[in-house]
Structures are given as structure tokens and as C-alpha cells.
Amino acid sequence: MSKMKNDSEEESILIQRAKADPEAFGQLYERYVDRIYNYVYYRTGNAADAEDLTARIFERAIKHIGNYKDQGVPFSAWLYRIAHNLVANWHRDRSRRQIVSIDDVSQWVVTDHGPEFATQLMQDKEALLEAIGRLPADRQELLIFKFVEMMSNAEIGAIMGRSEGAIKSLYHRTLLSLREDMVGPDNDSPTKKRSFFTRRFQR
């Protein structure tokens, strides 16, 4: 707890410095650039576009850092909010369906669900990816925030412009949709997947 408090205080100091001196923003950039790039890459599936968008995200962040206000969530949520909007515009400008690229489920962090969940997730990778690909873009994005970025509902809500309760509800509906997709009557061999998804999603 003390370390988290110290990290928060250190970040607050960095933010105040960045507001007064744009060059001080470099430390915030170094702290978050990899996470923002990974998020953008998951949303675009293209390294060149991810690099270009990441640069634009931080350009916008440094331009508007003076307007930043602490709203009780990490500074990263503010950066992700900028990224969320720019990526949405990127898809819209190209008239593309917003399908999240989740090519490697093995990168998902699922330690809080135990080794059994992680093992079964890897075994069901192909079927899971197909089911995720059928979800609307906002639900795919929610899964990235939950399983890749390990964010809280409050943090995700700040990014997606929804209340914490709305995110919790959307998450629950998303899990139910995945379960129904993977263990529905059209599944030729639902037994193994039902044992996993029923346990996981009915919590």
C-alpha cells in the first residue's frame, strides 16, 4: 500500500512539472508509452499504424496536459481515453469495422483466476478467438482492458465514458455472450467448453 501511495505521489509531482515544463513530460511518456502502444496495436492489428497513432496520442496529451484534472483514477486512464478516441476516429475515417486484434491470447494476464483457468484458456484459444471476433468492438475493447491491462471497472469507465456500474453490467453481458456462443446448441462438442465457461461465467 505504501509503495502504491508513493507511486501515486511521484506521478502527481511529474504531472505538475509537465504542466509547467513540456520537457518534463518525457518521464510520463517513458512510463506509459509501451502500454499505450500495446493497446493501440491490439485495436488496429498493424505495427505501423500503432506507432503513428501512439505518437499522435502523446502529442495530444502534451498539448492538453494543462487541462488534466485528477478525478480519482490513475493518470493512465486519461491517456487511454485519448487513445480510445483517436483509435475510434481512425476506424471511422477508414470506414472499418472496429475489430480488435487479439492474435495471441497467451499474452493475456489471467493469474487472478488461477492456473486452471489459464490452462483451459490456452486450450480453447481458437474457439475463444472466434467467439471474441463476433463481439461488438466495445466489448472486445473491454476484454483488453480487463485481461490485458488488468484495469478496474472505474478505470475502464473513465476511458470509455461510462459509469462504473455500466461497465460492470457490460462485462457481465459480455461474458454471458461468450459462454452462450461457445456452449450453444450448435456446438458439436460443447462438453469440455461448458465445464470451463459455465464455472467461469456464472460467478
N, C-alpha and C. Protein backbone atom coordinates (compact mmCIF):
# COMPACT_ATOMS: atom_id res chain seq x y z
N MET A 1 0.83 -1.21 0.00
CA MET A 1 0.00 0.00 0.00
C MET A 1 0.86 1.25 0.00
N SER A 2 1.96 1.21 0.80
CA SER A 2 2.85 2.35 0.88
C SER A 2 3.50 2.63 -0.46
N LYS A 3 3.90 1.54 -1.17
CA LYS A 3 4.53 1.70 -2.48
C LYS A 3 3.55 2.33 -3.47
N MET A 4 2.29 1.87 -3.43
CA MET A 4 1.29 2.44 -4.32
C MET A 4 1.07 3.92 -4.04
N LYS A 5 1.07 4.27 -2.75
CA LYS A 5 0.89 5.67 -2.38
C LYS A 5 2.07 6.50 -2.87
N ASN A 6 3.28 5.94 -2.71
CA ASN A 6 4.48 6.67 -3.15
C ASN A 6 4.48 6.84 -4.67
N ASP A 7 4.05 5.79 -5.39
CA ASP A 7 3.99 5.88 -6.86
C ASP A 7 2.99 6.95 -7.28
N SER A 8 1.85 7.00 -6.58
CA SER A 8 0.83 7.99 -6.90
C SER A 8 1.33 9.41 -6.64
N GLU A 9 2.02 9.58 -5.52
CA GLU A 9 2.56 10.89 -5.19
C GLU A 9 3.63 11.30 -6.20
N GLU A 10 4.47 10.34 -6.60
CA GLU A 10 5.52 10.62 -7.58
C GLU A 10 4.90 11.03 -8.91
N GLU A 11 3.84 10.32 -9.29
CA GLU A 11 3.17 10.64 -10.54
C GLU A 11 2.54 12.03 -10.49
N SER A 12 1.94 12.37 -9.37
CA SER A 12 1.33 13.70 -9.22
C SER A 12 2.37 14.80 -9.39
N ILE A 13 3.55 14.55 -8.85
CA ILE A 13 4.65 15.52 -8.98
C ILE A 13 5.06 15.66 -10.44
N LEU A 14 5.17 14.52 -11.13
CA LEU A 14 5.55 14.54 -12.54
C LEU A 14 4.52 15.29 -13.38
N ILE A 15 3.25 15.09 -13.06
CA ILE A 15 2.19 15.77 -13.80
C ILE A 15 2.27 17.28 -13.61
N GLN A 16 2.46 17.71 -12.38
CA GLN A 16 2.58 19.14 -12.10
C GLN A 16 3.78 19.74 -12.81
N ARG A 17 4.89 19.02 -12.84
CA ARG A 17 6.07 19.50 -13.54
C ARG A 17 5.79 19.61 -15.04
N ALA A 18 5.10 18.60 -15.59
CA ALA A 18 4.82 18.58 -17.02
C ALA A 18 3.91 19.73 -17.42
N LYS A 19 3.02 20.14 -16.52
CA LYS A 19 2.14 21.26 -16.82
C LYS A 19 2.92 22.56 -16.97
N ALA A 20 4.00 22.66 -16.22
CA ALA A 20 4.81 23.88 -16.25
C ALA A 20 5.94 23.82 -17.27
N ASP A 21 6.41 22.59 -17.54
CA ASP A 21 7.56 22.42 -18.42
C ASP A 21 7.32 21.22 -19.34
N PRO A 22 7.04 21.47 -20.61
CA PRO A 22 6.75 20.37 -21.54
C PRO A 22 7.85 19.30 -21.59
N GLU A 23 9.10 19.71 -21.37
CA GLU A 23 10.18 18.73 -21.41
C GLU A 23 10.07 17.71 -20.28
N ALA A 24 9.44 18.10 -19.18
CA ALA A 24 9.27 17.18 -18.06
C ALA A 24 8.26 16.09 -18.38
N PHE A 25 7.50 16.29 -19.44
CA PHE A 25 6.52 15.28 -19.85
C PHE A 25 7.21 13.99 -20.29
N GLY A 26 8.48 14.10 -20.61
CA GLY A 26 9.22 12.93 -21.08
C GLY A 26 9.19 11.76 -20.12
N GLN A 27 9.19 12.03 -18.83
CA GLN A 27 9.17 10.96 -17.84
C GLN A 27 7.82 10.23 -17.84
N LEU A 28 6.75 10.98 -18.04
CA LEU A 28 5.43 10.36 -18.15
C LEU A 28 5.35 9.54 -19.44
N TYR A 29 5.94 10.06 -20.49
CA TYR A 29 5.97 9.34 -21.76
C TYR A 29 6.67 8.00 -21.60
N GLU A 30 7.85 8.01 -20.99
CA GLU A 30 8.60 6.78 -20.81
C GLU A 30 7.84 5.78 -19.94
N ARG A 31 7.09 6.28 -19.01
CA ARG A 31 6.35 5.41 -18.08
C ARG A 31 5.20 4.68 -18.78
N TYR A 32 4.58 5.33 -19.76
CA TYR A 32 3.36 4.78 -20.34
C TYR A 32 3.39 4.44 -21.82
N VAL A 33 4.44 4.78 -22.53
CA VAL A 33 4.43 4.62 -23.98
C VAL A 33 4.24 3.17 -24.40
N ASP A 34 4.87 2.23 -23.72
CA ASP A 34 4.74 0.82 -24.12
C ASP A 34 3.31 0.31 -23.94
N ARG A 35 2.69 0.69 -22.82
CA ARG A 35 1.32 0.25 -22.56
C ARG A 35 0.35 0.83 -23.57
N ILE A 36 0.53 2.11 -23.89
CA ILE A 36 -0.37 2.74 -24.86
C ILE A 36 -0.17 2.13 -26.24
N TYR A 37 1.08 1.90 -26.61
CA TYR A 37 1.35 1.28 -27.92
C TYR A 37 0.71 -0.10 -28.01
N ASN A 38 0.86 -0.90 -26.96
CA ASN A 38 0.27 -2.25 -26.98
C ASN A 38 -1.24 -2.20 -27.14
N TYR A 39 -1.87 -1.26 -26.43
CA TYR A 39 -3.32 -1.11 -26.54
C TYR A 39 -3.70 -0.75 -27.97
N VAL A 40 -3.00 0.22 -28.56
CA VAL A 40 -3.32 0.66 -29.92
C VAL A 40 -3.08 -0.48 -30.91
N TYR A 41 -2.02 -1.25 -30.69
CA TYR A 41 -1.75 -2.37 -31.59
C TYR A 41 -2.88 -3.40 -31.53
N TYR A 42 -3.36 -3.69 -30.32
CA TYR A 42 -4.48 -4.62 -30.19
C TYR A 42 -5.71 -4.10 -30.94
N ARG A 43 -5.90 -2.78 -30.95
CA ARG A 43 -7.09 -2.21 -31.59
C ARG A 43 -6.94 -2.10 -33.11
N THR A 44 -5.70 -2.02 -33.61
CA THR A 44 -5.51 -1.82 -35.05
C THR A 44 -4.94 -3.05 -35.75
N GLY A 45 -4.14 -3.83 -35.05
CA GLY A 45 -3.53 -5.01 -35.64
C GLY A 45 -2.43 -4.70 -36.63
N ASN A 46 -1.91 -3.48 -36.61
CA ASN A 46 -0.88 -3.07 -37.56
C ASN A 46 0.18 -2.25 -36.84
N ALA A 47 1.43 -2.68 -36.91
CA ALA A 47 2.51 -2.03 -36.16
C ALA A 47 2.74 -0.59 -36.63
N ALA A 48 2.74 -0.36 -37.94
CA ALA A 48 2.99 0.99 -38.46
C ALA A 48 1.90 1.95 -38.03
N ASP A 49 0.64 1.52 -38.13
CA ASP A 49 -0.46 2.38 -37.70
C ASP A 49 -0.41 2.60 -36.19
N ALA A 50 -0.03 1.57 -35.45
CA ALA A 50 0.05 1.69 -33.99
C ALA A 50 1.12 2.70 -33.59
N GLU A 51 2.25 2.68 -34.29
CA GLU A 51 3.32 3.64 -33.99
C GLU A 51 2.87 5.06 -34.30
N ASP A 52 2.22 5.24 -35.44
CA ASP A 52 1.75 6.57 -35.83
C ASP A 52 0.71 7.10 -34.85
N LEU A 53 -0.25 6.26 -34.49
CA LEU A 53 -1.30 6.68 -33.57
C LEU A 53 -0.75 6.94 -32.18
N THR A 54 0.20 6.13 -31.73
CA THR A 54 0.79 6.34 -30.41
C THR A 54 1.48 7.70 -30.35
N ALA A 55 2.20 8.05 -31.39
CA ALA A 55 2.85 9.36 -31.45
C ALA A 55 1.82 10.47 -31.37
N ARG A 56 0.73 10.32 -32.10
CA ARG A 56 -0.33 11.34 -32.09
C ARG A 56 -1.01 11.43 -30.72
N ILE A 57 -1.15 10.30 -30.06
CA ILE A 57 -1.76 10.29 -28.73
C ILE A 57 -0.93 11.11 -27.75
N PHE A 58 0.37 10.92 -27.77
CA PHE A 58 1.21 11.66 -26.83
C PHE A 58 1.37 13.12 -27.24
N GLU A 59 1.29 13.40 -28.53
CA GLU A 59 1.30 14.80 -28.96
C GLU A 59 0.07 15.51 -28.41
N ARG A 60 -1.08 14.84 -28.49
CA ARG A 60 -2.30 15.44 -27.96
C ARG A 60 -2.23 15.55 -26.43
N ALA A 61 -1.65 14.56 -25.80
CA ALA A 61 -1.55 14.56 -24.33
C ALA A 61 -0.69 15.73 -23.83
N ILE A 62 0.45 15.93 -24.46
CA ILE A 62 1.33 17.01 -24.02
C ILE A 62 0.70 18.37 -24.32
N LYS A 63 -0.09 18.43 -25.38
CA LYS A 63 -0.77 19.69 -25.73
C LYS A 63 -1.85 20.05 -24.71
N HIS A 64 -2.50 19.02 -24.14
CA HIS A 64 -3.63 19.26 -23.25
C HIS A 64 -3.35 18.92 -21.79
N ILE A 65 -2.08 18.67 -21.46
CA ILE A 65 -1.74 18.29 -20.09
C ILE A 65 -2.16 19.37 -19.10
N GLY A 66 -2.19 20.61 -19.54
CA GLY A 66 -2.58 21.70 -18.65
C GLY A 66 -4.03 21.62 -18.22
N ASN A 67 -4.85 20.91 -18.98
CA ASN A 67 -6.27 20.76 -18.65
C ASN A 67 -6.54 19.51 -17.81
N TYR A 68 -5.50 18.72 -17.56
CA TYR A 68 -5.71 17.47 -16.83
C TYR A 68 -6.11 17.75 -15.38
N LYS A 69 -7.13 17.01 -14.91
CA LYS A 69 -7.56 17.11 -13.52
C LYS A 69 -7.67 15.72 -12.94
N ASP A 70 -7.15 15.57 -11.74
CA ASP A 70 -7.22 14.28 -11.04
C ASP A 70 -8.66 13.98 -10.66
N GLN A 71 -9.21 12.90 -11.20
CA GLN A 71 -10.59 12.51 -10.92
C GLN A 71 -10.67 11.20 -10.15
N GLY A 72 -9.59 10.86 -9.47
CA GLY A 72 -9.60 9.67 -8.63
C GLY A 72 -9.21 8.39 -9.32
N VAL A 73 -8.82 8.45 -10.58
CA VAL A 73 -8.33 7.29 -11.31
C VAL A 73 -6.91 7.60 -11.78
N PRO A 74 -6.11 6.57 -12.08
CA PRO A 74 -4.73 6.81 -12.50
C PRO A 74 -4.62 7.71 -13.73
N PHE A 75 -3.50 8.39 -13.83
CA PHE A 75 -3.23 9.25 -14.99
C PHE A 75 -3.33 8.45 -16.29
N SER A 76 -2.98 7.17 -16.21
CA SER A 76 -3.03 6.33 -17.40
C SER A 76 -4.44 6.29 -18.01
N ALA A 77 -5.48 6.39 -17.16
CA ALA A 77 -6.85 6.36 -17.67
C ALA A 77 -7.10 7.55 -18.61
N TRP A 78 -6.49 8.69 -18.28
CA TRP A 78 -6.63 9.87 -19.13
C TRP A 78 -5.95 9.63 -20.48
N LEU A 79 -4.77 8.99 -20.45
CA LEU A 79 -4.07 8.69 -21.70
C LEU A 79 -4.86 7.68 -22.53
N TYR A 80 -5.39 6.66 -21.87
CA TYR A 80 -6.18 5.66 -22.59
C TYR A 80 -7.44 6.28 -23.18
N ARG A 81 -7.99 7.26 -22.50
CA ARG A 81 -9.18 7.94 -23.03
C ARG A 81 -8.84 8.65 -24.34
N ILE A 82 -7.70 9.30 -24.38
CA ILE A 82 -7.24 9.95 -25.61
C ILE A 82 -7.03 8.90 -26.70
N ALA A 83 -6.39 7.80 -26.32
CA ALA A 83 -6.12 6.72 -27.27
C ALA A 83 -7.43 6.11 -27.78
N HIS A 84 -8.36 5.89 -26.88
CA HIS A 84 -9.66 5.33 -27.24
C HIS A 84 -10.34 6.20 -28.31
N ASN A 85 -10.33 7.50 -28.12
CA ASN A 85 -10.98 8.42 -29.06
C ASN A 85 -10.27 8.46 -30.41
N LEU A 86 -8.93 8.53 -30.37
CA LEU A 86 -8.17 8.61 -31.62
C LEU A 86 -8.30 7.32 -32.44
N VAL A 87 -8.29 6.18 -31.77
CA VAL A 87 -8.43 4.91 -32.49
C VAL A 87 -9.83 4.79 -33.08
N ALA A 88 -10.84 5.23 -32.32
CA ALA A 88 -12.21 5.20 -32.84
C ALA A 88 -12.32 6.07 -34.10
N ASN A 89 -11.69 7.25 -34.06
CA ASN A 89 -11.69 8.13 -35.24
C ASN A 89 -10.95 7.49 -36.41
N TRP A 90 -9.87 6.80 -36.09
CA TRP A 90 -9.07 6.12 -37.12
C TRP A 90 -9.92 5.09 -37.85
N HIS A 91 -10.67 4.31 -37.10
CA HIS A 91 -11.56 3.32 -37.72
C HIS A 91 -12.67 4.01 -38.52
N ARG A 92 -13.22 5.07 -37.93
CA ARG A 92 -14.33 5.76 -38.59
C ARG A 92 -13.88 6.40 -39.90
N ASP A 93 -12.73 7.01 -39.90
CA ASP A 93 -12.23 7.67 -41.11
C ASP A 93 -12.00 6.67 -42.24
N ARG A 94 -11.69 5.44 -41.87
CA ARG A 94 -11.43 4.41 -42.88
C ARG A 94 -12.64 3.52 -43.11
N SER A 95 -13.74 3.89 -42.46
CA SER A 95 -14.99 3.12 -42.60
C SER A 95 -14.76 1.64 -42.35
N ARG A 96 -13.98 1.37 -41.31
CA ARG A 96 -13.68 -0.01 -40.99
C ARG A 96 -14.51 -0.47 -39.80
N ARG A 97 -14.85 -1.75 -39.81
CA ARG A 97 -15.48 -2.32 -38.63
C ARG A 97 -14.42 -2.43 -37.55
N GLN A 98 -14.76 -1.98 -36.35
CA GLN A 98 -13.77 -1.93 -35.28
C GLN A 98 -13.59 -3.30 -34.64
N ILE A 99 -12.75 -4.10 -35.25
CA ILE A 99 -12.45 -5.42 -34.72
C ILE A 99 -11.10 -5.38 -34.04
N VAL A 100 -11.09 -5.75 -32.77
CA VAL A 100 -9.84 -5.74 -32.02
C VAL A 100 -8.98 -6.91 -32.45
N SER A 101 -7.69 -6.66 -32.63
CA SER A 101 -6.76 -7.73 -32.96
C SER A 101 -6.30 -8.38 -31.67
N ILE A 102 -6.73 -9.61 -31.44
CA ILE A 102 -6.30 -10.34 -30.25
C ILE A 102 -5.67 -11.63 -30.74
N ASP A 103 -4.55 -11.50 -31.43
CA ASP A 103 -3.94 -12.63 -32.11
C ASP A 103 -3.29 -13.64 -31.17
N ASP A 104 -2.90 -13.20 -29.98
CA ASP A 104 -2.17 -14.10 -29.09
C ASP A 104 -2.75 -14.04 -27.69
N VAL A 105 -3.66 -14.94 -27.40
CA VAL A 105 -4.29 -14.97 -26.09
C VAL A 105 -3.28 -15.30 -25.00
N SER A 106 -2.16 -15.92 -25.37
CA SER A 106 -1.16 -16.28 -24.36
C SER A 106 -0.60 -15.06 -23.66
N GLN A 107 -0.78 -13.86 -24.26
CA GLN A 107 -0.31 -12.64 -23.63
C GLN A 107 -1.28 -12.13 -22.57
N TRP A 108 -2.47 -12.71 -22.52
CA TRP A 108 -3.44 -12.27 -21.53
C TRP A 108 -2.95 -12.60 -20.13
N VAL A 109 -3.17 -11.71 -19.20
CA VAL A 109 -2.79 -11.91 -17.81
C VAL A 109 -4.02 -12.41 -17.06
N VAL A 110 -3.99 -13.66 -16.64
CA VAL A 110 -5.17 -14.25 -16.01
C VAL A 110 -4.82 -14.89 -14.67
N THR A 111 -3.75 -14.44 -14.05
CA THR A 111 -3.29 -15.05 -12.82
C THR A 111 -4.31 -14.96 -11.69
N ASP A 112 -5.16 -13.94 -11.71
CA ASP A 112 -6.13 -13.80 -10.64
C ASP A 112 -7.23 -14.84 -10.71
N HIS A 113 -7.29 -15.59 -11.82
CA HIS A 113 -8.31 -16.62 -11.96
C HIS A 113 -7.75 -18.02 -11.72
N GLY A 114 -6.46 -18.12 -11.43
CA GLY A 114 -5.87 -19.41 -11.10
C GLY A 114 -5.32 -20.14 -12.32
N PRO A 115 -4.43 -21.11 -12.08
CA PRO A 115 -3.77 -21.84 -13.17
C PRO A 115 -4.74 -22.67 -14.02
N GLU A 116 -5.81 -23.19 -13.44
CA GLU A 116 -6.77 -23.99 -14.20
C GLU A 116 -7.41 -23.15 -15.30
N PHE A 117 -7.78 -21.92 -14.94
CA PHE A 117 -8.39 -21.02 -15.92
C PHE A 117 -7.42 -20.72 -17.04
N ALA A 118 -6.17 -20.40 -16.68
CA ALA A 118 -5.17 -20.05 -17.69
C ALA A 118 -4.91 -21.22 -18.63
N THR A 119 -4.81 -22.43 -18.08
CA THR A 119 -4.56 -23.61 -18.90
C THR A 119 -5.70 -23.87 -19.86
N GLN A 120 -6.94 -23.80 -19.36
CA GLN A 120 -8.09 -24.05 -20.21
C GLN A 120 -8.24 -22.96 -21.26
N LEU A 121 -7.89 -21.73 -20.89
CA LEU A 121 -7.96 -20.63 -21.84
C LEU A 121 -7.05 -20.90 -23.03
N MET A 122 -5.84 -21.38 -22.77
CA MET A 122 -4.91 -21.68 -23.84
C MET A 122 -5.45 -22.82 -24.72
N GLN A 123 -6.05 -23.82 -24.10
CA GLN A 123 -6.58 -24.95 -24.85
C GLN A 123 -7.74 -24.53 -25.75
N ASP A 124 -8.52 -23.58 -25.28
CA ASP A 124 -9.70 -23.14 -26.03
C ASP A 124 -9.40 -21.92 -26.90
N LYS A 125 -8.12 -21.65 -27.14
CA LYS A 125 -7.72 -20.41 -27.79
C LYS A 125 -8.44 -20.16 -29.11
N GLU A 126 -8.44 -21.13 -30.02
CA GLU A 126 -9.02 -20.92 -31.34
C GLU A 126 -10.50 -20.61 -31.25
N ALA A 127 -11.22 -21.42 -30.47
CA ALA A 127 -12.66 -21.21 -30.34
C ALA A 127 -12.96 -19.89 -29.64
N LEU A 128 -12.14 -19.54 -28.67
CA LEU A 128 -12.34 -18.30 -27.93
C LEU A 128 -12.13 -17.09 -28.82
N LEU A 129 -11.06 -17.13 -29.63
CA LEU A 129 -10.78 -16.01 -30.53
C LEU A 129 -11.92 -15.82 -31.53
N GLU A 130 -12.45 -16.92 -32.03
CA GLU A 130 -13.56 -16.81 -32.97
C GLU A 130 -14.78 -16.17 -32.30
N ALA A 131 -15.03 -16.57 -31.05
CA ALA A 131 -16.18 -16.01 -30.32
C ALA A 131 -15.95 -14.53 -30.02
N ILE A 132 -14.73 -14.16 -29.65
CA ILE A 132 -14.43 -12.77 -29.37
C ILE A 132 -14.58 -11.92 -30.64
N GLY A 133 -14.17 -12.48 -31.77
CA GLY A 133 -14.27 -11.77 -33.04
C GLY A 133 -15.69 -11.45 -33.44
N ARG A 134 -16.64 -12.17 -32.88
CA ARG A 134 -18.04 -11.92 -33.18
C ARG A 134 -18.67 -10.89 -32.25
N LEU A 135 -17.93 -10.46 -31.25
CA LEU A 135 -18.44 -9.45 -30.31
C LEU A 135 -18.37 -8.06 -30.93
N PRO A 136 -19.24 -7.14 -30.49
CA PRO A 136 -19.11 -5.73 -30.90
C PRO A 136 -17.76 -5.17 -30.43
N ALA A 137 -17.29 -4.13 -31.10
CA ALA A 137 -15.97 -3.57 -30.82
C ALA A 137 -15.81 -3.12 -29.37
N ASP A 138 -16.88 -2.53 -28.78
CA ASP A 138 -16.72 -2.03 -27.42
C ASP A 138 -16.53 -3.17 -26.42
N ARG A 139 -17.14 -4.33 -26.72
CA ARG A 139 -16.97 -5.48 -25.82
C ARG A 139 -15.60 -6.11 -25.99
N GLN A 140 -15.09 -6.11 -27.21
CA GLN A 140 -13.73 -6.58 -27.44
C GLN A 140 -12.74 -5.69 -26.69
N GLU A 141 -12.98 -4.39 -26.78
CA GLU A 141 -12.10 -3.45 -26.10
C GLU A 141 -12.15 -3.66 -24.58
N LEU A 142 -13.33 -3.91 -24.07
CA LEU A 142 -13.49 -4.16 -22.64
C LEU A 142 -12.65 -5.36 -22.19
N LEU A 143 -12.62 -6.41 -23.01
CA LEU A 143 -11.83 -7.58 -22.66
C LEU A 143 -10.33 -7.27 -22.63
N ILE A 144 -9.90 -6.39 -23.53
CA ILE A 144 -8.49 -5.97 -23.50
C ILE A 144 -8.18 -5.27 -22.18
N PHE A 145 -9.05 -4.33 -21.79
CA PHE A 145 -8.82 -3.60 -20.55
C PHE A 145 -8.83 -4.54 -19.35
N LYS A 146 -9.69 -5.55 -19.38
CA LYS A 146 -9.81 -6.47 -18.25
C LYS A 146 -8.67 -7.47 -18.19
N PHE A 147 -8.39 -8.14 -19.30
CA PHE A 147 -7.46 -9.25 -19.29
C PHE A 147 -6.04 -8.89 -19.67
N VAL A 148 -5.86 -7.84 -20.44
CA VAL A 148 -4.52 -7.43 -20.84
C VAL A 148 -4.00 -6.33 -19.91
N GLU A 149 -4.81 -5.29 -19.73
CA GLU A 149 -4.39 -4.16 -18.91
C GLU A 149 -4.72 -4.34 -17.43
N MET A 150 -5.58 -5.32 -17.10
CA MET A 150 -5.94 -5.62 -15.72
C MET A 150 -6.50 -4.39 -15.00
N MET A 151 -7.39 -3.66 -15.67
CA MET A 151 -7.96 -2.44 -15.11
C MET A 151 -9.21 -2.72 -14.29
N SER A 152 -9.50 -1.79 -13.39
CA SER A 152 -10.73 -1.86 -12.60
C SER A 152 -11.89 -1.33 -13.43
N ASN A 153 -13.12 -1.60 -12.98
CA ASN A 153 -14.30 -1.09 -13.69
C ASN A 153 -14.31 0.44 -13.70
N ALA A 154 -13.84 1.05 -12.61
CA ALA A 154 -13.82 2.51 -12.53
C ALA A 154 -12.86 3.09 -13.57
N GLU A 155 -11.70 2.47 -13.73
CA GLU A 155 -10.72 2.95 -14.70
C GLU A 155 -11.25 2.79 -16.12
N ILE A 156 -11.86 1.64 -16.38
CA ILE A 156 -12.41 1.40 -17.72
C ILE A 156 -13.53 2.39 -18.02
N GLY A 157 -14.37 2.65 -17.01
CA GLY A 157 -15.45 3.60 -17.19
C GLY A 157 -14.94 4.99 -17.54
N ALA A 158 -13.84 5.39 -16.90
CA ALA A 158 -13.26 6.71 -17.18
C ALA A 158 -12.77 6.79 -18.62
N ILE A 159 -12.29 5.68 -19.15
CA ILE A 159 -11.77 5.65 -20.51
C ILE A 159 -12.90 5.62 -21.54
N MET A 160 -13.89 4.77 -21.27
CA MET A 160 -14.95 4.56 -22.25
C MET A 160 -16.12 5.52 -22.07
N GLY A 161 -16.02 6.42 -21.08
CA GLY A 161 -17.08 7.41 -20.89
C GLY A 161 -18.36 6.82 -20.35
N ARG A 162 -18.25 5.81 -19.48
CA ARG A 162 -19.42 5.17 -18.89
C ARG A 162 -19.23 5.08 -17.38
N SER A 163 -20.33 4.87 -16.68
CA SER A 163 -20.24 4.75 -15.22
C SER A 163 -19.63 3.39 -14.85
N GLU A 164 -19.14 3.31 -13.62
CA GLU A 164 -18.57 2.06 -13.14
C GLU A 164 -19.62 0.94 -13.19
N GLY A 165 -20.86 1.26 -12.82
CA GLY A 165 -21.94 0.28 -12.86
C GLY A 165 -22.24 -0.19 -14.27
N ALA A 166 -22.17 0.74 -15.23
CA ALA A 166 -22.44 0.37 -16.63
C ALA A 166 -21.36 -0.57 -17.15
N ILE A 167 -20.12 -0.34 -16.75
CA ILE A 167 -19.03 -1.22 -17.17
C ILE A 167 -19.20 -2.60 -16.57
N LYS A 168 -19.56 -2.65 -15.31
CA LYS A 168 -19.77 -3.94 -14.64
C LYS A 168 -20.86 -4.73 -15.36
N SER A 169 -21.94 -4.04 -15.73
CA SER A 169 -23.04 -4.69 -16.43
C SER A 169 -22.61 -5.16 -17.82
N LEU A 170 -21.85 -4.31 -18.53
CA LEU A 170 -21.38 -4.67 -19.87
C LEU A 170 -20.45 -5.87 -19.79
N TYR A 171 -19.59 -5.90 -18.80
CA TYR A 171 -18.66 -7.02 -18.61
C TYR A 171 -19.44 -8.32 -18.39
N HIS A 172 -20.45 -8.26 -17.54
CA HIS A 172 -21.25 -9.44 -17.26
C HIS A 172 -21.96 -9.93 -18.53
N ARG A 173 -22.53 -9.00 -19.29
CA ARG A 173 -23.22 -9.38 -20.52
C ARG A 173 -22.24 -9.95 -21.55
N THR A 174 -21.03 -9.42 -21.56
CA THR A 174 -20.02 -9.90 -22.49
C THR A 174 -19.63 -11.34 -22.18
N LEU A 175 -19.44 -11.63 -20.91
CA LEU A 175 -19.09 -12.99 -20.51
C LEU A 175 -20.22 -13.96 -20.84
N LEU A 176 -21.45 -13.53 -20.60
CA LEU A 176 -22.60 -14.38 -20.92
C LEU A 176 -22.68 -14.64 -22.42
N SER A 177 -22.40 -13.61 -23.22
CA SER A 177 -22.44 -13.76 -24.67
C SER A 177 -21.39 -14.77 -25.15
N LEU A 178 -20.20 -14.68 -24.56
CA LEU A 178 -19.15 -15.63 -24.93
C LEU A 178 -19.54 -17.05 -24.55
N ARG A 179 -20.08 -17.19 -23.36
CA ARG A 179 -20.48 -18.53 -22.91
C ARG A 179 -21.54 -19.11 -23.83
N GLU A 180 -22.57 -18.30 -24.14
CA GLU A 180 -23.64 -18.78 -24.99
C GLU A 180 -23.14 -19.11 -26.39
N ASP A 181 -22.18 -18.32 -26.87
CA ASP A 181 -21.61 -18.56 -28.20
C ASP A 181 -20.86 -19.89 -28.22
N MET A 182 -20.09 -20.16 -27.18
CA MET A 182 -19.21 -21.31 -27.19
C MET A 182 -19.87 -22.60 -26.72
N VAL A 183 -20.96 -22.53 -26.00
CA VAL A 183 -21.58 -23.76 -25.49
C VAL A 183 -23.02 -23.90 -25.97
N GLY A 184 -23.38 -23.16 -27.00
CA GLY A 184 -24.75 -23.20 -27.50
C GLY A 184 -25.07 -24.51 -28.19
N PRO A 185 -26.29 -24.70 -28.60
CA PRO A 185 -26.74 -25.96 -29.21
C PRO A 185 -26.08 -26.30 -30.52
N ASP A 186 -25.49 -25.29 -31.18
CA ASP A 186 -24.85 -25.56 -32.47
C ASP A 186 -23.43 -26.06 -32.32
N ASN A 187 -22.90 -26.07 -31.08
CA ASN A 187 -21.53 -26.52 -30.83
C ASN A 187 -21.50 -28.04 -30.86
N ASP A 188 -20.68 -28.61 -31.74
CA ASP A 188 -20.64 -30.06 -31.90
C ASP A 188 -20.10 -30.77 -30.66
N SER A 189 -19.16 -30.14 -29.97
CA SER A 189 -18.55 -30.78 -28.81
C SER A 189 -18.51 -29.79 -27.65
N PRO A 190 -19.64 -29.52 -27.03
CA PRO A 190 -19.71 -28.48 -26.01
C PRO A 190 -19.25 -28.90 -24.63
N THR A 191 -19.06 -30.20 -24.40
CA THR A 191 -18.86 -30.69 -23.03
C THR A 191 -17.66 -30.05 -22.36
N LYS A 192 -16.50 -30.10 -23.03
CA LYS A 192 -15.29 -29.57 -22.39
C LYS A 192 -15.41 -28.08 -22.18
N LYS A 193 -15.93 -27.37 -23.19
CA LYS A 193 -16.00 -25.92 -23.08
C LYS A 193 -17.05 -25.51 -22.06
N ARG A 194 -18.13 -26.29 -21.97
CA ARG A 194 -19.15 -25.94 -20.99
C ARG A 194 -18.59 -26.04 -19.57
N SER A 195 -17.78 -27.05 -19.32
CA SER A 195 -17.24 -27.22 -17.97
C SER A 195 -16.42 -26.02 -17.55
N PHE A 196 -15.68 -25.44 -18.51
CA PHE A 196 -14.85 -24.27 -18.22
C PHE A 196 -15.68 -23.00 -18.15
N PHE A 197 -16.45 -22.73 -19.21
CA PHE A 197 -17.12 -21.45 -19.30
C PHE A 197 -18.27 -21.34 -18.31
N THR A 198 -18.94 -22.44 -18.00
CA THR A 198 -20.00 -22.38 -17.02
C THR A 198 -19.44 -21.99 -15.66
N ARG A 199 -18.32 -22.62 -15.28
CA ARG A 199 -17.70 -22.28 -13.99
C ARG A 199 -17.25 -20.83 -13.97
N ARG A 200 -16.63 -20.39 -15.07
CA ARG A 200 -16.03 -19.05 -15.10
C ARG A 200 -17.09 -17.96 -15.14
N PHE A 201 -18.11 -18.14 -15.97
CA PHE A 201 -19.01 -17.03 -16.26
C PHE A 201 -20.24 -16.96 -15.36
N GLN A 202 -20.51 -18.01 -14.58
CA GLN A 202 -21.67 -17.96 -13.73
C GLN A 202 -21.35 -17.40 -12.36
N ARG A 203 -20.11 -16.95 -12.17
CA ARG A 203 -19.74 -16.35 -10.87
C ARG A 203 -20.46 -15.04 -10.66
